[in-house]
Amino acid sequence: MRLATTLFTSALRAASRNSSVASIAGRIVGQQAQSRAYVSSSSPPPAEGFMPGVMTSKLIKRTAEEALRNPELANTGAANGETRKMNLFQAVNDAMAIALATDETAVIFGEDVAFGGVFRCTTGLAETFGRDRVFNTPLTEQGIAGFGIGMASVGHTAIAEIQFADYIFPAFDQIVNEAAKYRYRSGGIFNVGGLTLRSPCSAVGHGAHYHSQSPEAYFAHTPGIKVVIPRGPIQAKGLLLASIRDRNPVVFFEPKILYRSAVEQVPVGDYELPLGKAEIVKKGKDVTVVGWGSQMYVLENAIQMAEKRIPGLSCELIDLRSILPWDAETIAASVNRTGRLVVAHEAPRTQGFAAEIAAEITQRCFLRLEAPVQRVCGWDTPFPLVFEKFYMPDIIRCFEGIKKVVEY
């Protein structure tokens, strides 16, 4: 613990080049304390929300046979192993436990993580691995990111938690100007590839503008980092282990509405899923539909509606999984077959990552497109509370996007 405390203090000094640690912490606490007062309460805030279609989704693997049939597991130690029923936060917890057990340099830190975390993702880890490896930090996101950079720069595997993705912005400079450029600016002599920043993201049904945002596009503009968003427990465990072990800094966003609502049979063994590789979760021939995270369940239901209402329609559904780098080849190959593309995400439409996908696929597939690319996104407003159901790219809006490209 003494080493961790010393490193944290050093990293905080590095993170506060133009102001003192005390003034940074005091300013951030002053800005955020009121809106986050419940964080230190005795019970966590509800994370269930309402996610239509998860319970009946074909994307959810409910049996061991379904889970182990995944071809991406074929060359891993989990291919013929056991499975255990886990929700998404338990799968995240399991991944971090494996990371700590297999890497003696790995540490986990963030606000309240020693107590299990506000969403219970780190429950039991401090008790199992010791409080010098799983420990709380002050309420300063800039300091948490700076600390992670400092630990990774001296060879540690640093797994940091930003308690909500909405509060990652005080750490923005540390992530995009320090972590992302560390290797490049030293000519490859130094790196912070051991850094992973986890953060709950996206809508939960009652989070309003400070607990519902999807900031992936901000980080996708930055060479030098990777950005990953899983759709369920099996994906979360494999992608998180791959992120922790990848020798590049990774921002790992976890859709918090799925923490308890997405439940699968998850392989108990140690396995990784590929970063930067999209997954075709449903094959089709007429329309390519792309999403990630919790939006996958909305799109699955929208496709079912479209295929029911438009006789003969066949939609292909792709989970992007990695936002940076993203798998343009898989999507382009699909669009070259279908001639149509719909992309949906919760983040606002303008400059959202769907715009990058639309531009790249239009360039690659222009002569094969039968209709303009459709983007179904959140509106260009702050995330509302009482009007959330009008803001979200729900099943009806996604269905209308599919219908529009089909009838163009």
Foldseek 3Di string as FASTA:
>chain_A
DVVLVVLLVVLLCVLCVPDDSVVQLVVVCVVCCVVCVCFPPPAADDLQFDQPQQVPDPVFAADPVSQLVPPLCVPPPLNPFFWDKAFALQLLCLLVLVVVVVFVLAAEEEACLCVCASLNSNPPVCVVRHCVRYHYDRPHLLSQLSSLQSSLQVPGQYEYEDNAPLPNVSNVCSVQVPQQCVCVVVVNPTHSQSAEYEHEEADRQFSFQRHHADPPLVCLVGHQEWEFEAATSQQSSQAVNCSNPGRTYYYYYYHSNRRPSGIHTHRSDDHHGDAQDKDWPFDWQAEEEEEEYSCQSQLVLLVVVLCVVPPPGTYIYMHQRILVPTHLPVVLVRCLRRQAYEYEDAHADVSDSVVVSQVVSCVSRVVSHPARYHYQYFHPDRQGRVCNVVRGSGSVNSNVNVVVSNVD
